[in-house]
Amino acid sequence: PEDTAVYYCAAERTFVVPTTPDAFGS
């Protein structure tokens, strides 16, 4: 039940794998 949420996909042109929302532009 705690998984309940709106799930968003994000993308950013980068070779790394950021984990913060501000790091993604799309």
PDB file of all heavy atoms in Angstrom:
ATOM      1  N   PRO A   1       0.805  -1.222   0.000  1.00  0.00           N
ATOM      2  CA  PRO A   1       0.000   0.000   0.000  1.00  0.00           C
ATOM      3  C   PRO A   1       0.837   1.271   0.000  1.00  0.00           C
ATOM      4  O   PRO A   1       0.433   2.269  -0.599  1.00  0.00           O
ATOM      5  CB  PRO A   1      -0.828  -0.124   1.285  1.00  0.00           C
ATOM      6  CG  PRO A   1      -0.974  -1.596   1.465  1.00  0.00           C
ATOM      7  CD  PRO A   1       0.345  -2.175   1.031  1.00  0.00           C
ATOM      8  N   GLU A   2       1.980   1.243   0.645  1.00  0.00           N
ATOM      9  CA  GLU A   2       2.845   2.414   0.679  1.00  0.00           C
ATOM     10  C   GLU A   2       3.492   2.730  -0.662  1.00  0.00           C
ATOM     11  O   GLU A   2       4.135   3.770  -0.815  1.00  0.00           O
ATOM     12  CB  GLU A   2       3.924   2.282   1.764  1.00  0.00           C
ATOM     13  CG  GLU A   2       4.696   0.977   1.697  1.00  0.00           C
ATOM     14  CD  GLU A   2       4.171  -0.066   2.672  1.00  0.00           C
ATOM     15  OE1 GLU A   2       2.938  -0.228   2.752  1.00  0.00           O
ATOM     16  OE2 GLU A   2       4.994  -0.705   3.350  1.00  0.00           O
ATOM     17  N   ASP A   3       3.333   1.852  -1.628  1.00  0.00           N
ATOM     18  CA  ASP A   3       3.808   2.129  -2.983  1.00  0.00           C
ATOM     19  C   ASP A   3       2.831   3.010  -3.750  1.00  0.00           C
ATOM     20  O   ASP A   3       3.143   3.450  -4.860  1.00  0.00           O
ATOM     21  CB  ASP A   3       4.030   0.837  -3.759  1.00  0.00           C
ATOM     22  CG  ASP A   3       5.165  -0.002  -3.195  1.00  0.00           C
ATOM     23  OD1 ASP A   3       6.201   0.575  -2.805  1.00  0.00           O
ATOM     24  OD2 ASP A   3       5.017  -1.241  -3.155  1.00  0.00           O
ATOM     25  N   THR A   4       1.674   3.234  -3.186  1.00  0.00           N
ATOM     26  CA  THR A   4       0.667   4.056  -3.838  1.00  0.00           C
ATOM     27  C   THR A   4       1.186   5.471  -4.052  1.00  0.00           C
ATOM     28  O   THR A   4       1.612   6.137  -3.110  1.00  0.00           O
ATOM     29  CB  THR A   4      -0.617   4.099  -3.007  1.00  0.00           C
ATOM     30  OG1 THR A   4      -1.184   2.784  -2.936  1.00  0.00           O
ATOM     31  CG2 THR A   4      -1.641   5.039  -3.635  1.00  0.00           C
ATOM     32  N   ALA A   5       1.159   5.917  -5.287  1.00  0.00           N
ATOM     33  CA  ALA A   5       1.670   7.238  -5.634  1.00  0.00           C
ATOM     34  C   ALA A   5       1.473   7.469  -7.123  1.00  0.00           C
ATOM     35  O   ALA A   5       1.117   6.552  -7.869  1.00  0.00           O
ATOM     36  CB  ALA A   5       3.154   7.358  -5.287  1.00  0.00           C
ATOM     37  N   VAL A   6       1.713   8.690  -7.533  1.00  0.00           N
ATOM     38  CA  VAL A   6       1.838   8.981  -8.946  1.00  0.00           C
ATOM     39  C   VAL A   6       3.287   8.728  -9.324  1.00  0.00           C
ATOM     40  O   VAL A   6       4.199   9.259  -8.695  1.00  0.00           O
ATOM     41  CB  VAL A   6       1.449  10.431  -9.279  1.00  0.00           C
ATOM     42  CG1 VAL A   6       1.688  10.723 -10.757  1.00  0.00           C
ATOM     43  CG2 VAL A   6      -0.008  10.685  -8.924  1.00  0.00           C
ATOM     44  N   TYR A   7       3.494   7.925 -10.328  1.00  0.00           N
ATOM     45  CA  TYR A   7       4.836   7.582 -10.760  1.00  0.00           C
ATOM     46  C   TYR A   7       5.210   8.386 -11.991  1.00  0.00           C
ATOM     47  O   TYR A   7       4.462   8.442 -12.967  1.00  0.00           O
ATOM     48  CB  TYR A   7       4.923   6.081 -11.057  1.00  0.00           C
ATOM     49  CG  TYR A   7       5.023   5.243  -9.808  1.00  0.00           C
ATOM     50  CD1 TYR A   7       3.932   5.121  -8.958  1.00  0.00           C
ATOM     51  CD2 TYR A   7       6.205   4.594  -9.463  1.00  0.00           C
ATOM     52  CE1 TYR A   7       4.016   4.373  -7.791  1.00  0.00           C
ATOM     53  CE2 TYR A   7       6.296   3.842  -8.307  1.00  0.00           C
ATOM     54  CZ  TYR A   7       5.199   3.733  -7.478  1.00  0.00           C
ATOM     55  OH  TYR A   7       5.293   2.985  -6.324  1.00  0.00           O
ATOM     56  N   TYR A   8       6.374   8.997 -11.919  1.00  0.00           N
ATOM     57  CA  TYR A   8       6.860   9.850 -12.990  1.00  0.00           C
ATOM     58  C   TYR A   8       8.124   9.276 -13.607  1.00  0.00           C
ATOM     59  O   TYR A   8       9.009   8.790 -12.906  1.00  0.00           O
ATOM     60  CB  TYR A   8       7.179  11.252 -12.466  1.00  0.00           C
ATOM     61  CG  TYR A   8       5.991  12.005 -11.921  1.00  0.00           C
ATOM     62  CD1 TYR A   8       5.660  11.927 -10.573  1.00  0.00           C
ATOM     63  CD2 TYR A   8       5.217  12.803 -12.754  1.00  0.00           C
ATOM     64  CE1 TYR A   8       4.581  12.624 -10.070  1.00  0.00           C
ATOM     65  CE2 TYR A   8       4.134  13.506 -12.256  1.00  0.00           C
ATOM     66  CZ  TYR A   8       3.823  13.408 -10.911  1.00  0.00           C
ATOM     67  OH  TYR A   8       2.753  14.108 -10.408  1.00  0.00           O
ATOM     68  N   CYS A   9       8.210   9.389 -14.896  1.00  0.00           N
ATOM     69  CA  CYS A   9       9.414   9.034 -15.631  1.00  0.00           C
ATOM     70  C   CYS A   9      10.210  10.303 -15.903  1.00  0.00           C
ATOM     71  O   CYS A   9       9.637  11.363 -16.158  1.00  0.00           O
ATOM     72  CB  CYS A   9       9.027   8.353 -16.944  1.00  0.00           C
ATOM     73  SG  CYS A   9      10.416   7.901 -17.998  1.00  0.00           S
ATOM     74  N   ALA A  10      11.518  10.196 -15.829  1.00  0.00           N
ATOM     75  CA  ALA A  10      12.379  11.342 -16.062  1.00  0.00           C
ATOM     76  C   ALA A  10      13.580  10.937 -16.901  1.00  0.00           C
ATOM     77  O   ALA A  10      14.010   9.783 -16.878  1.00  0.00           O
ATOM     78  CB  ALA A  10      12.845  11.936 -14.729  1.00  0.00           C
ATOM     79  N   ALA A  11      14.128  11.897 -17.629  1.00  0.00           N
ATOM     80  CA  ALA A  11      15.287  11.638 -18.470  1.00  0.00           C
ATOM     81  C   ALA A  11      16.218  12.841 -18.487  1.00  0.00           C
ATOM     82  O   ALA A  11      15.783  13.979 -18.357  1.00  0.00           O
ATOM     83  CB  ALA A  11      14.860  11.299 -19.892  1.00  0.00           C
ATOM     84  N   GLU A  12      17.493  12.551 -18.641  1.00  0.00           N
ATOM     85  CA  GLU A  12      18.491  13.604 -18.743  1.00  0.00           C
ATOM     86  C   GLU A  12      19.676  13.091 -19.539  1.00  0.00           C
ATOM     87  O   GLU A  12      20.116  11.953 -19.348  1.00  0.00           O
ATOM     88  CB  GLU A  12      18.952  14.063 -17.360  1.00  0.00           C
ATOM     89  CG  GLU A  12      19.983  15.178 -17.380  1.00  0.00           C
ATOM     90  CD  GLU A  12      19.459  16.444 -18.030  1.00  0.00           C
ATOM     91  OE1 GLU A  12      18.276  16.772 -17.814  1.00  0.00           O
ATOM     92  OE2 GLU A  12      20.229  17.105 -18.763  1.00  0.00           O
ATOM     93  N   ARG A  13      20.195  13.923 -20.412  1.00  0.00           N
ATOM     94  CA  ARG A  13      21.360  13.551 -21.202  1.00  0.00           C
ATOM     95  C   ARG A  13      22.596  13.632 -20.334  1.00  0.00           C
ATOM     96  O   ARG A  13      23.156  14.703 -20.124  1.00  0.00           O
ATOM     97  CB  ARG A  13      21.496  14.448 -22.423  1.00  0.00           C
ATOM     98  CG  ARG A  13      20.349  14.289 -23.406  1.00  0.00           C
ATOM     99  CD  ARG A  13      20.596  15.055 -24.690  1.00  0.00           C
ATOM    100  NE  ARG A  13      19.445  14.947 -25.586  1.00  0.00           N
ATOM    101  CZ  ARG A  13      19.220  13.930 -26.388  1.00  0.00           C
ATOM    102  NH1 ARG A  13      20.077  12.908 -26.431  1.00  0.00           N
ATOM    103  NH2 ARG A  13      18.144  13.908 -27.164  1.00  0.00           N
ATOM    104  N   THR A  14      22.991  12.487 -19.837  1.00  0.00           N
ATOM    105  CA  THR A  14      24.141  12.390 -18.956  1.00  0.00           C
ATOM    106  C   THR A  14      24.637  10.948 -18.937  1.00  0.00           C
ATOM    107  O   THR A  14      23.870  10.008 -19.165  1.00  0.00           O
ATOM    108  CB  THR A  14      23.794  12.846 -17.528  1.00  0.00           C
ATOM    109  OG1 THR A  14      24.927  12.665 -16.672  1.00  0.00           O
ATOM    110  CG2 THR A  14      22.629  12.032 -16.964  1.00  0.00           C
ATOM    111  N   PHE A  15      25.905  10.796 -18.661  1.00  0.00           N
ATOM    112  CA  PHE A  15      26.487   9.458 -18.557  1.00  0.00           C
ATOM    113  C   PHE A  15      26.357   8.888 -17.148  1.00  0.00           C
ATOM    114  O   PHE A  15      26.572   7.696 -16.941  1.00  0.00           O
ATOM    115  CB  PHE A  15      27.965   9.480 -18.957  1.00  0.00           C
ATOM    116  CG  PHE A  15      28.193   9.658 -20.420  1.00  0.00           C
ATOM    117  CD1 PHE A  15      28.535  10.894 -20.945  1.00  0.00           C
ATOM    118  CD2 PHE A  15      28.073   8.584 -21.286  1.00  0.00           C
ATOM    119  CE1 PHE A  15      28.751  11.063 -22.298  1.00  0.00           C
ATOM    120  CE2 PHE A  15      28.285   8.735 -22.649  1.00  0.00           C
ATOM    121  CZ  PHE A  15      28.622   9.984 -23.154  1.00  0.00           C
ATOM    122  N   VAL A  16      26.036   9.742 -16.206  1.00  0.00           N
ATOM    123  CA  VAL A  16      25.889   9.297 -14.834  1.00  0.00           C
ATOM    124  C   VAL A  16      24.438   8.941 -14.567  1.00  0.00           C
ATOM    125  O   VAL A  16      23.574   9.055 -15.437  1.00  0.00           O
ATOM    126  CB  VAL A  16      26.386  10.365 -13.835  1.00  0.00           C
ATOM    127  CG1 VAL A  16      27.850  10.668 -14.087  1.00  0.00           C
ATOM    128  CG2 VAL A  16      25.551  11.640 -13.955  1.00  0.00           C
ATOM    129  N   VAL A  17      24.156   8.500 -13.369  1.00  0.00           N
ATOM    130  CA  VAL A  17      22.806   8.102 -12.993  1.00  0.00           C
ATOM    131  C   VAL A  17      22.367   8.888 -11.762  1.00  0.00           C
ATOM    132  O   VAL A  17      22.398   8.382 -10.646  1.00  0.00           O
ATOM    133  CB  VAL A  17      22.706   6.578 -12.748  1.00  0.00           C
ATOM    134  CG1 VAL A  17      22.697   5.829 -14.068  1.00  0.00           C
ATOM    135  CG2 VAL A  17      23.869   6.079 -11.890  1.00  0.00           C
ATOM    136  N   PRO A  18      21.950  10.124 -11.959  1.00  0.00           N
ATOM    137  CA  PRO A  18      21.499  10.930 -10.825  1.00  0.00           C
ATOM    138  C   PRO A  18      20.228  10.391 -10.204  1.00  0.00           C
ATOM    139  O   PRO A  18      19.459   9.665 -10.844  1.00  0.00           O
ATOM    140  CB  PRO A  18      21.276  12.311 -11.452  1.00  0.00           C
ATOM    141  CG  PRO A  18      21.005  12.025 -12.894  1.00  0.00           C
ATOM    142  CD  PRO A  18      21.860  10.841 -13.223  1.00  0.00           C
ATOM    143  N   THR A  19      20.001  10.783  -8.965  1.00  0.00           N
ATOM    144  CA  THR A  19      18.854  10.284  -8.217  1.00  0.00           C
ATOM    145  C   THR A  19      17.987  11.389  -7.637  1.00  0.00           C
ATOM    146  O   THR A  19      17.046  11.097  -6.910  1.00  0.00           O
ATOM    147  CB  THR A  19      19.313   9.361  -7.079  1.00  0.00           C
ATOM    148  OG1 THR A  19      20.178  10.086  -6.192  1.00  0.00           O
ATOM    149  CG2 THR A  19      20.065   8.152  -7.628  1.00  0.00           C
ATOM    150  N   THR A  20      18.281  12.629  -7.947  1.00  0.00           N
ATOM    151  CA  THR A  20      17.497  13.743  -7.436  1.00  0.00           C
ATOM    152  C   THR A  20      16.656  14.352  -8.547  1.00  0.00           C
ATOM    153  O   THR A  20      17.092  14.425  -9.689  1.00  0.00           O
ATOM    154  CB  THR A  20      18.403  14.823  -6.825  1.00  0.00           C
ATOM    155  OG1 THR A  20      19.355  15.255  -7.797  1.00  0.00           O
ATOM    156  CG2 THR A  20      19.149  14.271  -5.620  1.00  0.00           C
ATOM    157  N   PRO A  21      15.451  14.796  -8.228  1.00  0.00           N
ATOM    158  CA  PRO A  21      14.565  15.348  -9.259  1.00  0.00           C
ATOM    159  C   PRO A  21      15.158  16.525 -10.021  1.00  0.00           C
ATOM    160  O   PRO A  21      14.931  16.654 -11.231  1.00  0.00           O
ATOM    161  CB  PRO A  21      13.326  15.785  -8.458  1.00  0.00           C
ATOM    162  CG  PRO A  21      13.327  14.901  -7.255  1.00  0.00           C
ATOM    163  CD  PRO A  21      14.778  14.723  -6.916  1.00  0.00           C
ATOM    164  N   ASP A  22      15.925  17.363  -9.331  1.00  0.00           N
ATOM    165  CA  ASP A  22      16.475  18.550  -9.964  1.00  0.00           C
ATOM    166  C   ASP A  22      17.502  18.236 -11.027  1.00  0.00           C
ATOM    167  O   ASP A  22      17.842  19.103 -11.841  1.00  0.00           O
ATOM    168  CB  ASP A  22      17.090  19.472  -8.906  1.00  0.00           C
ATOM    169  CG  ASP A  22      18.141  18.771  -8.066  1.00  0.00           C
ATOM    170  OD1 ASP A  22      17.768  17.949  -7.210  1.00  0.00           O
ATOM    171  OD2 ASP A  22      19.338  19.050  -8.265  1.00  0.00           O
ATOM    172  N   ALA A  23      18.017  17.013 -11.052  1.00  0.00           N
ATOM    173  CA  ALA A  23      19.027  16.627 -12.025  1.00  0.00           C
ATOM    174  C   ALA A  23      18.430  16.226 -13.366  1.00  0.00           C
ATOM    175  O   ALA A  23      19.173  16.046 -14.331  1.00  0.00           O
ATOM    176  CB  ALA A  23      19.871  15.484 -11.471  1.00  0.00           C
ATOM    177  N   PHE A  24      17.125  16.089 -13.424  1.00  0.00           N
ATOM    178  CA  PHE A  24      16.463  15.647 -14.641  1.00  0.00           C
ATOM    179  C   PHE A  24      15.683  16.780 -15.279  1.00  0.00           C
ATOM    180  O   PHE A  24      14.929  17.489 -14.606  1.00  0.00           O
ATOM    181  CB  PHE A  24      15.533  14.469 -14.352  1.00  0.00           C
ATOM    182  CG  PHE A  24      16.268  13.214 -13.990  1.00  0.00           C
ATOM    183  CD1 PHE A  24      16.640  12.968 -12.686  1.00  0.00           C
ATOM    184  CD2 PHE A  24      16.596  12.288 -14.970  1.00  0.00           C
ATOM    185  CE1 PHE A  24      17.339  11.814 -12.349  1.00  0.00           C
ATOM    186  CE2 PHE A  24      17.287  11.134 -14.643  1.00  0.00           C
ATOM    187  CZ  PHE A  24      17.662  10.899 -13.332  1.00  0.00           C
ATOM    188  N   GLY A  25      15.875  16.936 -16.565  1.00  0.00           N
ATOM    189  CA  GLY A  25      15.240  18.027 -17.274  1.00  0.00           C
ATOM    190  C   GLY A  25      13.967  17.673 -18.008  1.00  0.00           C
ATOM    191  O   GLY A  25      13.182  18.559 -18.353  1.00  0.00           O
ATOM    192  N   SER A  26      13.745  16.411 -18.262  1.00  0.00           N
ATOM    193  CA  SER A  26      12.554  15.964 -18.979  1.00  0.00           C
ATOM    194  C   SER A  26      11.716  15.072 -18.087  1.00  0.00           C
ATOM    195  O   SER A  26      12.240  14.160 -17.442  1.00  0.00           O
ATOM    196  CB  SER A  26      12.934  15.209 -20.253  1.00  0.00           C
ATOM    197  OG  SER A  26      13.666  16.039 -21.142  1.00  0.00           O
TER     198      SER A  26
END
